[in-house]
Amino acid sequence: MIYLDTHVVVWLYVGDLSVFSPDTKRALDTTPLMISPVVALELTYLYEIGRLRVPAATIIDYLSTRIDLTTCDLPFEQVITNAVNHTWTRDPFDRIIVGQAAVHSRGLVTKDRSIREHYAQAIW
């Protein structure tokens, strides 16, 4: 099981696989994929400010049927308890996304350099 960062979800939705390394593509093809519920919130923000042309639900529903993407259902308190330890960023989305993956030390596919520098299970 690996988690996907928000931008990874967008690239998968638009079908832009050119951004991924061969190792990342292999992981995406062979490992069950999951997102934190906060990814839906961040996608909604991006839609509201005009950076995305489709709503979050459209993206997530599409990927759920195409690549069997699931949304993690860990208890929110457990995720936040972990997220508060990630003091290397002030971005609440990044803290929660990393916190969600870190609860069980899962991989997280992300291009975000800061996440990759601070989360040992980051994949790129």
N, C-alpha and C. Protein backbone atom coordinates (compact mmCIF):
# COMPACT_ATOMS: atom_id res chain seq x y z
N MET A 1 0.84 -1.18 0.00
CA MET A 1 0.00 0.00 0.00
C MET A 1 0.88 1.24 0.00
N ILE A 2 0.63 2.15 -0.93
CA ILE A 2 1.31 3.44 -0.92
C ILE A 2 0.28 4.56 -1.05
N TYR A 3 0.63 5.68 -0.44
CA TYR A 3 -0.21 6.88 -0.50
C TYR A 3 0.26 7.77 -1.64
N LEU A 4 -0.65 8.60 -2.12
CA LEU A 4 -0.35 9.54 -3.19
C LEU A 4 -0.52 10.96 -2.69
N ASP A 5 0.44 11.81 -3.01
CA ASP A 5 0.33 13.23 -2.73
C ASP A 5 -0.66 13.84 -3.74
N THR A 6 -1.16 15.01 -3.42
CA THR A 6 -2.20 15.65 -4.23
C THR A 6 -1.78 15.84 -5.68
N HIS A 7 -0.58 16.33 -5.91
CA HIS A 7 -0.16 16.57 -7.29
C HIS A 7 -0.03 15.26 -8.08
N VAL A 8 0.35 14.20 -7.41
CA VAL A 8 0.42 12.90 -8.07
C VAL A 8 -0.97 12.48 -8.53
N VAL A 9 -1.97 12.72 -7.71
CA VAL A 9 -3.35 12.40 -8.08
C VAL A 9 -3.75 13.17 -9.33
N VAL A 10 -3.40 14.44 -9.40
CA VAL A 10 -3.74 15.26 -10.57
C VAL A 10 -3.03 14.72 -11.81
N TRP A 11 -1.74 14.41 -11.70
CA TRP A 11 -1.01 13.89 -12.86
C TRP A 11 -1.61 12.56 -13.34
N LEU A 12 -2.02 11.71 -12.42
CA LEU A 12 -2.64 10.46 -12.82
C LEU A 12 -3.98 10.72 -13.50
N TYR A 13 -4.73 11.68 -13.00
CA TYR A 13 -6.03 12.01 -13.60
C TYR A 13 -5.87 12.50 -15.03
N VAL A 14 -4.90 13.37 -15.27
CA VAL A 14 -4.72 13.91 -16.63
C VAL A 14 -3.92 12.97 -17.51
N GLY A 15 -3.40 11.89 -16.93
CA GLY A 15 -2.67 10.90 -17.70
C GLY A 15 -1.25 11.30 -18.02
N ASP A 16 -0.67 12.21 -17.24
CA ASP A 16 0.71 12.65 -17.46
C ASP A 16 1.66 11.77 -16.66
N LEU A 17 2.05 10.66 -17.25
CA LEU A 17 2.96 9.74 -16.58
C LEU A 17 4.42 10.10 -16.83
N SER A 18 4.66 11.08 -17.68
CA SER A 18 6.03 11.46 -18.02
C SER A 18 6.79 12.04 -16.83
N VAL A 19 6.09 12.51 -15.81
CA VAL A 19 6.75 13.10 -14.65
C VAL A 19 7.34 12.05 -13.72
N PHE A 20 6.93 10.80 -13.87
CA PHE A 20 7.34 9.74 -12.95
C PHE A 20 8.57 8.99 -13.46
N SER A 21 9.43 8.62 -12.53
CA SER A 21 10.59 7.79 -12.86
C SER A 21 10.10 6.37 -13.16
N PRO A 22 10.93 5.56 -13.82
CA PRO A 22 10.54 4.17 -14.07
C PRO A 22 10.22 3.41 -12.77
N ASP A 23 10.99 3.64 -11.71
CA ASP A 23 10.72 2.97 -10.44
C ASP A 23 9.39 3.40 -9.85
N THR A 24 9.07 4.68 -9.96
CA THR A 24 7.79 5.16 -9.44
C THR A 24 6.65 4.59 -10.26
N LYS A 25 6.79 4.57 -11.58
CA LYS A 25 5.75 3.98 -12.43
C LYS A 25 5.51 2.52 -12.05
N ARG A 26 6.58 1.80 -11.79
CA ARG A 26 6.47 0.39 -11.40
C ARG A 26 5.70 0.27 -10.08
N ALA A 27 6.03 1.13 -9.12
CA ALA A 27 5.32 1.11 -7.83
C ALA A 27 3.85 1.44 -8.01
N LEU A 28 3.55 2.40 -8.87
CA LEU A 28 2.16 2.78 -9.12
C LEU A 28 1.38 1.65 -9.78
N ASP A 29 2.07 0.86 -10.60
CA ASP A 29 1.42 -0.23 -11.32
C ASP A 29 1.24 -1.49 -10.48
N THR A 30 2.07 -1.66 -9.45
CA THR A 30 2.09 -2.95 -8.75
C THR A 30 1.65 -2.88 -7.29
N THR A 31 1.34 -1.72 -6.79
CA THR A 31 1.02 -1.56 -5.37
C THR A 31 -0.35 -0.93 -5.22
N PRO A 32 -1.17 -1.40 -4.27
CA PRO A 32 -2.45 -0.73 -4.03
C PRO A 32 -2.23 0.74 -3.66
N LEU A 33 -3.07 1.62 -4.22
CA LEU A 33 -2.91 3.06 -4.07
C LEU A 33 -4.00 3.65 -3.17
N MET A 34 -3.59 4.60 -2.35
CA MET A 34 -4.50 5.19 -1.37
C MET A 34 -4.20 6.68 -1.24
N ILE A 35 -5.23 7.43 -0.84
CA ILE A 35 -5.04 8.84 -0.54
C ILE A 35 -5.60 9.13 0.85
N SER A 36 -5.06 10.18 1.43
CA SER A 36 -5.62 10.73 2.65
C SER A 36 -6.88 11.50 2.26
N PRO A 37 -7.91 11.54 3.10
CA PRO A 37 -9.08 12.35 2.80
C PRO A 37 -8.74 13.83 2.59
N VAL A 38 -7.65 14.28 3.18
CA VAL A 38 -7.28 15.69 3.02
C VAL A 38 -6.86 15.99 1.58
N VAL A 39 -6.50 14.99 0.80
CA VAL A 39 -6.21 15.20 -0.61
C VAL A 39 -7.46 15.72 -1.31
N ALA A 40 -8.62 15.18 -0.97
CA ALA A 40 -9.87 15.67 -1.55
C ALA A 40 -10.10 17.13 -1.19
N LEU A 41 -9.78 17.50 0.03
CA LEU A 41 -9.93 18.89 0.45
C LEU A 41 -8.97 19.79 -0.33
N GLU A 42 -7.72 19.36 -0.48
CA GLU A 42 -6.75 20.18 -1.23
C GLU A 42 -7.17 20.30 -2.69
N LEU A 43 -7.66 19.21 -3.29
CA LEU A 43 -8.15 19.28 -4.66
C LEU A 43 -9.31 20.26 -4.77
N THR A 44 -10.17 20.28 -3.76
CA THR A 44 -11.29 21.22 -3.75
C THR A 44 -10.79 22.65 -3.71
N TYR A 45 -9.80 22.93 -2.87
CA TYR A 45 -9.21 24.27 -2.82
C TYR A 45 -8.65 24.65 -4.19
N LEU A 46 -7.93 23.74 -4.81
CA LEU A 46 -7.34 24.02 -6.12
C LEU A 46 -8.43 24.29 -7.16
N TYR A 47 -9.53 23.60 -7.09
CA TYR A 47 -10.67 23.83 -7.98
C TYR A 47 -11.29 25.21 -7.70
N GLU A 48 -11.47 25.52 -6.44
CA GLU A 48 -12.10 26.80 -6.07
C GLU A 48 -11.27 28.01 -6.50
N ILE A 49 -9.95 27.88 -6.52
CA ILE A 49 -9.12 29.01 -6.92
C ILE A 49 -8.79 28.97 -8.42
N GLY A 50 -9.36 28.01 -9.13
CA GLY A 50 -9.21 27.96 -10.58
C GLY A 50 -7.98 27.24 -11.09
N ARG A 51 -7.26 26.55 -10.23
CA ARG A 51 -6.08 25.82 -10.69
C ARG A 51 -6.43 24.44 -11.25
N LEU A 52 -7.64 23.97 -10.94
CA LEU A 52 -8.17 22.75 -11.54
C LEU A 52 -9.49 23.09 -12.21
N ARG A 53 -9.79 22.39 -13.30
CA ARG A 53 -11.03 22.67 -14.03
C ARG A 53 -12.17 21.72 -13.68
N VAL A 54 -11.87 20.71 -12.87
CA VAL A 54 -12.90 19.76 -12.47
C VAL A 54 -12.89 19.62 -10.95
N PRO A 55 -14.04 19.34 -10.35
CA PRO A 55 -14.09 19.19 -8.89
C PRO A 55 -13.36 17.94 -8.40
N ALA A 56 -13.02 17.97 -7.14
CA ALA A 56 -12.30 16.86 -6.50
C ALA A 56 -13.02 15.53 -6.69
N ALA A 57 -14.32 15.52 -6.50
CA ALA A 57 -15.07 14.26 -6.59
C ALA A 57 -14.93 13.63 -7.97
N THR A 58 -14.88 14.44 -9.01
CA THR A 58 -14.72 13.92 -10.37
C THR A 58 -13.38 13.22 -10.51
N ILE A 59 -12.34 13.84 -10.00
CA ILE A 59 -11.00 13.27 -10.09
C ILE A 59 -10.91 11.97 -9.30
N ILE A 60 -11.39 12.00 -8.07
CA ILE A 60 -11.28 10.83 -7.20
C ILE A 60 -12.16 9.69 -7.71
N ASP A 61 -13.38 10.00 -8.15
CA ASP A 61 -14.25 8.96 -8.69
C ASP A 61 -13.64 8.31 -9.93
N TYR A 62 -13.07 9.13 -10.80
CA TYR A 62 -12.43 8.61 -12.01
C TYR A 62 -11.29 7.65 -11.66
N LEU A 63 -10.41 8.09 -10.76
CA LEU A 63 -9.27 7.25 -10.39
C LEU A 63 -9.69 6.02 -9.58
N SER A 64 -10.75 6.14 -8.84
CA SER A 64 -11.25 4.99 -8.09
C SER A 64 -11.68 3.86 -9.03
N THR A 65 -12.28 4.23 -10.15
CA THR A 65 -12.74 3.21 -11.09
C THR A 65 -11.62 2.76 -12.03
N ARG A 66 -10.69 3.65 -12.34
CA ARG A 66 -9.64 3.32 -13.31
C ARG A 66 -8.44 2.60 -12.69
N ILE A 67 -8.02 3.03 -11.50
CA ILE A 67 -6.81 2.44 -10.91
C ILE A 67 -7.07 1.90 -9.50
N ASP A 68 -8.34 1.78 -9.16
CA ASP A 68 -8.73 1.24 -7.85
C ASP A 68 -8.18 2.05 -6.69
N LEU A 69 -8.13 3.37 -6.87
CA LEU A 69 -7.68 4.27 -5.81
C LEU A 69 -8.69 4.23 -4.67
N THR A 70 -8.19 4.12 -3.43
CA THR A 70 -9.07 4.15 -2.27
C THR A 70 -8.68 5.31 -1.36
N THR A 71 -9.62 5.67 -0.51
CA THR A 71 -9.39 6.72 0.47
C THR A 71 -9.21 6.07 1.83
N CYS A 72 -8.15 6.46 2.52
CA CYS A 72 -7.82 5.89 3.82
C CYS A 72 -8.89 6.27 4.86
N ASP A 73 -9.22 5.32 5.71
CA ASP A 73 -10.23 5.58 6.74
C ASP A 73 -9.67 5.50 8.16
N LEU A 74 -8.36 5.76 8.28
CA LEU A 74 -7.79 5.81 9.64
C LEU A 74 -8.52 6.87 10.46
N PRO A 75 -8.68 6.65 11.75
CA PRO A 75 -9.32 7.65 12.59
C PRO A 75 -8.56 8.99 12.53
N PHE A 76 -9.30 10.09 12.38
CA PHE A 76 -8.70 11.41 12.23
C PHE A 76 -7.79 11.74 13.40
N GLU A 77 -8.19 11.39 14.59
CA GLU A 77 -7.37 11.68 15.77
C GLU A 77 -6.01 11.00 15.66
N GLN A 78 -5.98 9.79 15.17
CA GLN A 78 -4.72 9.06 15.01
C GLN A 78 -3.82 9.75 13.97
N VAL A 79 -4.42 10.23 12.89
CA VAL A 79 -3.66 10.91 11.85
C VAL A 79 -3.09 12.22 12.38
N ILE A 80 -3.91 13.01 13.07
CA ILE A 80 -3.47 14.29 13.59
C ILE A 80 -2.41 14.10 14.67
N THR A 81 -2.56 13.09 15.48
CA THR A 81 -1.55 12.81 16.51
C THR A 81 -0.19 12.60 15.86
N ASN A 82 -0.18 11.94 14.71
CA ASN A 82 1.08 11.74 13.99
C ASN A 82 1.50 13.03 13.28
N ALA A 83 0.56 13.73 12.66
CA ALA A 83 0.87 14.92 11.87
C ALA A 83 1.51 16.03 12.70
N VAL A 84 1.14 16.15 13.97
CA VAL A 84 1.72 17.23 14.78
C VAL A 84 3.22 17.06 14.98
N ASN A 85 3.73 15.88 14.74
CA ASN A 85 5.17 15.63 14.89
C ASN A 85 5.99 16.09 13.69
N HIS A 86 5.33 16.44 12.61
CA HIS A 86 6.03 16.83 11.39
C HIS A 86 6.18 18.36 11.35
N THR A 87 7.05 18.83 12.22
CA THR A 87 7.21 20.28 12.41
C THR A 87 8.09 20.92 11.35
N TRP A 88 8.57 20.18 10.39
CA TRP A 88 9.44 20.69 9.34
C TRP A 88 8.67 21.48 8.27
N THR A 89 7.33 21.48 8.35
CA THR A 89 6.53 22.24 7.38
C THR A 89 5.39 22.97 8.09
N ARG A 90 5.00 24.08 7.55
CA ARG A 90 3.85 24.83 8.04
C ARG A 90 2.61 24.54 7.18
N ASP A 91 2.77 23.76 6.13
CA ASP A 91 1.67 23.45 5.23
C ASP A 91 0.78 22.37 5.86
N PRO A 92 -0.45 22.72 6.23
CA PRO A 92 -1.30 21.72 6.90
C PRO A 92 -1.63 20.52 6.02
N PHE A 93 -1.76 20.74 4.71
CA PHE A 93 -2.03 19.60 3.82
C PHE A 93 -0.87 18.62 3.85
N ASP A 94 0.35 19.13 3.71
CA ASP A 94 1.52 18.25 3.73
C ASP A 94 1.65 17.52 5.06
N ARG A 95 1.41 18.22 6.15
CA ARG A 95 1.53 17.58 7.47
C ARG A 95 0.53 16.44 7.62
N ILE A 96 -0.68 16.65 7.17
CA ILE A 96 -1.70 15.61 7.32
C ILE A 96 -1.45 14.46 6.35
N ILE A 97 -1.09 14.77 5.11
CA ILE A 97 -0.80 13.72 4.13
C ILE A 97 0.35 12.85 4.60
N VAL A 98 1.43 13.47 5.07
CA VAL A 98 2.56 12.71 5.59
C VAL A 98 2.15 11.98 6.87
N GLY A 99 1.43 12.67 7.75
CA GLY A 99 0.98 12.04 8.99
C GLY A 99 0.15 10.79 8.73
N GLN A 100 -0.71 10.85 7.73
CA GLN A 100 -1.55 9.70 7.37
C GLN A 100 -0.68 8.53 6.92
N ALA A 101 0.26 8.79 6.03
CA ALA A 101 1.14 7.72 5.55
C ALA A 101 2.03 7.19 6.67
N ALA A 102 2.45 8.08 7.54
CA ALA A 102 3.42 7.72 8.58
C ALA A 102 2.82 6.89 9.72
N VAL A 103 1.51 6.90 9.88
CA VAL A 103 0.90 6.12 10.96
C VAL A 103 1.37 4.67 10.90
N HIS A 104 1.43 4.11 9.70
CA HIS A 104 1.90 2.73 9.53
C HIS A 104 3.16 2.66 8.67
N SER A 105 3.92 3.77 8.62
CA SER A 105 5.18 3.84 7.86
C SER A 105 5.01 3.39 6.41
N ARG A 106 3.98 3.89 5.76
CA ARG A 106 3.72 3.54 4.36
C ARG A 106 4.47 4.48 3.43
N GLY A 107 4.68 4.03 2.20
CA GLY A 107 5.28 4.87 1.19
C GLY A 107 4.34 5.99 0.80
N LEU A 108 4.92 7.08 0.32
CA LEU A 108 4.16 8.24 -0.14
C LEU A 108 4.81 8.73 -1.43
N VAL A 109 4.08 8.63 -2.54
CA VAL A 109 4.59 9.11 -3.81
C VAL A 109 4.40 10.62 -3.85
N THR A 110 5.51 11.34 -3.98
CA THR A 110 5.47 12.80 -3.99
C THR A 110 6.67 13.36 -4.73
N LYS A 111 6.44 14.46 -5.42
CA LYS A 111 7.55 15.19 -6.03
C LYS A 111 8.07 16.26 -5.08
N ASP A 112 7.33 16.55 -4.04
CA ASP A 112 7.67 17.62 -3.10
C ASP A 112 9.02 17.36 -2.45
N ARG A 113 9.96 18.22 -2.74
CA ARG A 113 11.33 18.04 -2.24
C ARG A 113 11.39 18.05 -0.72
N SER A 114 10.65 18.93 -0.09
CA SER A 114 10.68 19.02 1.38
C SER A 114 10.16 17.73 2.01
N ILE A 115 9.09 17.20 1.48
CA ILE A 115 8.58 15.92 2.00
C ILE A 115 9.63 14.84 1.80
N ARG A 116 10.22 14.79 0.62
CA ARG A 116 11.23 13.75 0.34
C ARG A 116 12.43 13.87 1.26
N GLU A 117 12.79 15.08 1.64
CA GLU A 117 13.92 15.27 2.55
C GLU A 117 13.61 14.87 3.99
N HIS A 118 12.33 14.92 4.36
CA HIS A 118 11.97 14.70 5.77
C HIS A 118 11.20 13.41 6.05
N TYR A 119 10.66 12.80 5.04
CA TYR A 119 9.90 11.56 5.25
C TYR A 119 10.63 10.43 4.54
N ALA A 120 11.20 9.53 5.31
CA ALA A 120 12.06 8.47 4.79
C ALA A 120 11.35 7.54 3.80
N GLN A 121 10.04 7.41 3.90
CA GLN A 121 9.29 6.50 3.02
C GLN A 121 8.77 7.21 1.76
N ALA A 122 9.21 8.44 1.53
CA ALA A 122 8.80 9.16 0.32
C ALA A 122 9.39 8.47 -0.91
N ILE A 123 8.60 8.44 -1.96
CA ILE A 123 8.97 7.76 -3.21
C ILE A 123 8.91 8.78 -4.34
N TRP A 124 9.95 8.82 -5.14
CA TRP A 124 9.92 9.62 -6.35
C TRP A 124 10.88 9.05 -7.35
